[in-house]
PDB file of N, CA and C in Angstrom:
ATOM      1  N   HIS A   1      -1.199   6.589   9.381  1.00  0.00           N
ATOM      2  CA  HIS A   1      -2.175   6.173  10.001  1.00  0.00           C
ATOM      3  C   HIS A   1      -3.204   5.191  10.144  1.00  0.00           C
ATOM      4  N   ALA A   2      -3.083   4.334  10.605  1.00  0.00           N
ATOM      5  CA  ALA A   2      -3.728   3.125  10.699  1.00  0.00           C
ATOM      6  C   ALA A   2      -5.400   3.130  11.629  1.00  0.00           C
ATOM      7  N   HIS A   3      -6.044   2.164  10.799  1.00  0.00           N
ATOM      8  CA  HIS A   3      -7.350   1.762  11.749  1.00  0.00           C
ATOM      9  C   HIS A   3      -7.891   0.590  11.782  1.00  0.00           C
ATOM     10  N   GLY A   4      -7.901   0.157  13.599  1.00  0.00           N
ATOM     11  CA  GLY A   4      -8.099  -1.026  14.316  1.00  0.00           C
ATOM     12  C   GLY A   4      -9.434  -1.226  13.827  1.00  0.00           C
ATOM     13  N   TRP A   5      -9.790  -2.493  13.636  1.00  0.00           N
ATOM     14  CA  TRP A   5     -11.225  -2.908  13.293  1.00  0.00           C
ATOM     15  C   TRP A   5     -11.884  -3.300  14.784  1.00  0.00           C
ATOM     16  N   PRO A   6     -13.035  -2.754  15.469  1.00  0.00           N
ATOM     17  CA  PRO A   6     -13.330  -3.834  16.565  1.00  0.00           C
ATOM     18  C   PRO A   6     -13.699  -4.832  16.494  1.00  0.00           C
ATOM     19  N   ASP A   7     -14.357  -5.239  15.560  1.00  0.00           N
ATOM     20  CA  ASP A   7     -14.723  -7.129  15.092  1.00  0.00           C
ATOM     21  C   ASP A   7     -14.048  -7.225  14.042  1.00  0.00           C
ATOM     22  N   VAL A   8     -13.979  -8.683  14.033  1.00  0.00           N
ATOM     23  CA  VAL A   8     -13.798  -9.498  12.596  1.00  0.00           C
ATOM     24  C   VAL A   8     -13.843  -8.742  11.320  1.00  0.00           C
ATOM     25  N   ASN A   9     -13.083  -8.451  10.899  1.00  0.00           N
ATOM     26  CA  ASN A   9     -13.404  -7.893   9.092  1.00  0.00           C
ATOM     27  C   ASN A   9     -13.072  -8.763   8.058  1.00  0.00           C
ATOM     28  N   LEU A  10     -14.014  -9.043   7.138  1.00  0.00           N
ATOM     29  CA  LEU A  10     -13.348  -9.597   6.201  1.00  0.00           C
ATOM     30  C   LEU A  10     -13.271  -8.935   4.787  1.00  0.00           C
ATOM     31  N   PHE A  11     -12.288  -7.891   4.618  1.00  0.00           N
ATOM     32  CA  PHE A  11     -12.048  -7.250   3.917  1.00  0.00           C
ATOM     33  C   PHE A  11     -11.303  -7.537   2.750  1.00  0.00           C
ATOM     34  N   PHE A  12     -11.347  -8.068   1.463  1.00  0.00           N
ATOM     35  CA  PHE A  12     -10.880  -8.144   0.838  1.00  0.00           C
ATOM     36  C   PHE A  12     -10.358  -7.534  -0.606  1.00  0.00           C
ATOM     37  N   GLY A  13      -9.424  -6.292   0.141  1.00  0.00           N
ATOM     38  CA  GLY A  13      -9.287  -5.619  -1.193  1.00  0.00           C
ATOM     39  C   GLY A  13      -7.756  -5.630  -1.588  1.00  0.00           C
ATOM     40  N   GLY A  14      -7.624  -4.314  -1.978  1.00  0.00           N
ATOM     41  CA  GLY A  14      -5.910  -4.102  -2.628  1.00  0.00           C
ATOM     42  C   GLY A  14      -5.096  -3.769  -1.702  1.00  0.00           C
ATOM     43  N   VAL A  15      -3.506  -3.954  -1.822  1.00  0.00           N
ATOM     44  CA  VAL A  15      -2.552  -3.376  -0.720  1.00  0.00           C
ATOM     45  C   VAL A  15      -1.834  -2.388  -1.642  1.00  0.00           C
ATOM     46  N   HIS A  16      -1.685  -0.839  -1.414  1.00  0.00           N
ATOM     47  CA  HIS A  16      -1.036  -0.549  -2.094  1.00  0.00           C
ATOM     48  C   HIS A  16      -0.043   0.494  -1.194  1.00  0.00           C
ATOM     49  N   THR A  17       1.258   0.507  -1.028  1.00  0.00           N
ATOM     50  CA  THR A  17       2.022   1.268  -0.464  1.00  0.00           C
ATOM     51  C   THR A  17       3.160   2.059  -0.995  1.00  0.00           C
ATOM     52  N   ALA A  18       3.464   3.786   0.028  1.00  0.00           N
ATOM     53  CA  ALA A  18       4.658   4.199  -0.572  1.00  0.00           C
ATOM     54  C   ALA A  18       5.598   4.691   0.697  1.00  0.00           C
ATOM     55  N   ARG A  19       6.789   4.345   0.265  1.00  0.00           N
ATOM     56  CA  ARG A  19       7.623   4.733   1.646  1.00  0.00           C
ATOM     57  C   ARG A  19       8.682   5.465   0.725  1.00  0.00           C
ATOM     58  N   ARG A  20       9.612   6.025   2.263  1.00  0.00           N
ATOM     59  CA  ARG A  20      10.518   6.281   1.880  1.00  0.00           C
ATOM     60  C   ARG A  20      11.908   6.163   2.698  1.00  0.00           C
ATOM     61  N   SER A  21      13.084   6.018   1.457  1.00  0.00           N
ATOM     62  CA  SER A  21      14.032   4.978   2.092  1.00  0.00           C
ATOM     63  C   SER A  21      15.551   6.007   2.432  1.00  0.00           C
ATOM     64  N   ALA A  22      16.167   5.814   3.418  1.00  0.00           N
ATOM     65  CA  ALA A  22      17.473   6.528   2.638  1.00  0.00           C
ATOM     66  C   ALA A  22      18.468   6.598   2.064  1.00  0.00           C
ATOM     67  N   GLN A  23      18.784   5.230   1.404  1.00  0.00           N
ATOM     68  CA  GLN A  23      19.313   4.520   1.020  1.00  0.00           C
ATOM     69  C   GLN A  23      18.601   4.565  -0.887  1.00  0.00           C
ATOM     70  N   ARG A  24      17.163   4.445  -1.151  1.00  0.00           N
ATOM     71  CA  ARG A  24      16.737   4.323  -2.274  1.00  0.00           C
ATOM     72  C   ARG A  24      15.906   5.477  -2.563  1.00  0.00           C
ATOM     73  N   GLY A  25      16.023   6.280  -1.855  1.00  0.00           N
ATOM     74  CA  GLY A  25      14.935   7.377  -2.142  1.00  0.00           C
ATOM     75  C   GLY A  25      13.223   6.987  -1.997  1.00  0.00           C
ATOM     76  N   PHE A  26      12.193   7.499  -2.791  1.00  0.00           N
ATOM     77  CA  PHE A  26      11.167   6.684  -2.018  1.00  0.00           C
ATOM     78  C   PHE A  26      10.694   5.877  -3.546  1.00  0.00           C
ATOM     79  N   GLU A  27       9.907   4.809  -2.963  1.00  0.00           N
ATOM     80  CA  GLU A  27       9.663   3.781  -3.455  1.00  0.00           C
ATOM     81  C   GLU A  27       8.031   3.571  -3.224  1.00  0.00           C
ATOM     82  N   GLY A  28       7.321   2.836  -4.191  1.00  0.00           N
ATOM     83  CA  GLY A  28       6.233   2.493  -4.182  1.00  0.00           C
ATOM     84  C   GLY A  28       5.456   1.257  -4.746  1.00  0.00           C
ATOM     85  N   VAL A  29       4.719   0.732  -4.429  1.00  0.00           N
ATOM     86  CA  VAL A  29       4.206  -0.690  -4.953  1.00  0.00           C
ATOM     87  C   VAL A  29       2.751  -0.402  -5.134  1.00  0.00           C
ATOM     88  N   GLY A  30       1.929  -1.065  -6.187  1.00  0.00           N
ATOM     89  CA  GLY A  30       0.727  -1.476  -6.315  1.00  0.00           C
ATOM     90  C   GLY A  30      -0.030  -2.412  -6.717  1.00  0.00           C
ATOM     91  N   ASP A  31      -0.666  -2.576  -6.192  1.00  0.00           N
ATOM     92  CA  ASP A  31      -1.158  -4.468  -5.952  1.00  0.00           C
ATOM     93  C   ASP A  31      -2.029  -4.808  -8.073  1.00  0.00           C
ATOM     94  N   PRO A  32      -1.691  -5.351  -8.774  1.00  0.00           N
ATOM     95  CA  PRO A  32      -1.655  -6.057 -10.027  1.00  0.00           C
ATOM     96  C   PRO A  32      -3.138  -6.329  -9.634  1.00  0.00           C
ATOM     97  N   ARG A  33      -3.323  -7.319  -8.489  1.00  0.00           N
ATOM     98  CA  ARG A  33      -5.092  -7.695  -8.931  1.00  0.00           C
ATOM     99  C   ARG A  33      -6.100  -6.653  -8.300  1.00  0.00           C
ATOM    100  N   ARG A  34      -5.395  -5.342  -8.104  1.00  0.00           N
ATOM    101  CA  ARG A  34      -6.380  -3.958  -8.118  1.00  0.00           C
ATOM    102  C   ARG A  34      -5.949  -2.655  -8.998  1.00  0.00           C
ATOM    103  N   GLU A  35      -5.459  -3.557 -10.616  1.00  0.00           N
ATOM    104  CA  GLU A  35      -4.903  -2.555 -11.010  1.00  0.00           C
ATOM    105  C   GLU A  35      -4.097  -1.718 -10.420  1.00  0.00           C
ATOM    106  N   GLY A  36      -3.533  -2.027  -9.202  1.00  0.00           N
ATOM    107  CA  GLY A  36      -2.529  -0.633  -8.827  1.00  0.00           C
ATOM    108  C   GLY A  36      -1.429  -0.663  -9.327  1.00  0.00           C
ATOM    109  N   VAL A  37      -0.777   0.471  -9.583  1.00  0.00           N
ATOM    110  CA  VAL A  37       0.492   1.007  -9.780  1.00  0.00           C
ATOM    111  C   VAL A  37       1.174   2.076  -8.827  1.00  0.00           C
ATOM    112  N   ALA A  38       2.479   2.101  -9.710  1.00  0.00           N
ATOM    113  CA  ALA A  38       3.367   3.440  -8.209  1.00  0.00           C
ATOM    114  C   ALA A  38       3.994   3.677  -9.662  1.00  0.00           C
ATOM    115  N   ILE A  39       4.152   5.413  -9.509  1.00  0.00           N
ATOM    116  CA  ILE A  39       5.063   6.252 -10.461  1.00  0.00           C
ATOM    117  C   ILE A  39       5.874   6.870  -9.507  1.00  0.00           C
ATOM    118  N   VAL A  40       7.070   6.901  -9.872  1.00  0.00           N
ATOM    119  CA  VAL A  40       8.056   8.383  -8.618  1.00  0.00           C
ATOM    120  C   VAL A  40       8.398   9.009  -9.931  1.00  0.00           C
ATOM    121  N   VAL A  41       8.229  10.306  -9.738  1.00  0.00           N
ATOM    122  CA  VAL A  41       8.327  11.151 -10.692  1.00  0.00           C
ATOM    123  C   VAL A  41       9.716  12.231  -9.810  1.00  0.00           C
TER     124      VAL A  41
END
């Protein structure tokens, strides 16, 4: 799901993501600048 902003936006938030890879299974990354973490259980 993606949201496009109608005007220029200066949002400086963190970046966190998760994905499923056929070769590596589930992966995740949390932006350490925003205390983000990823744990695969």
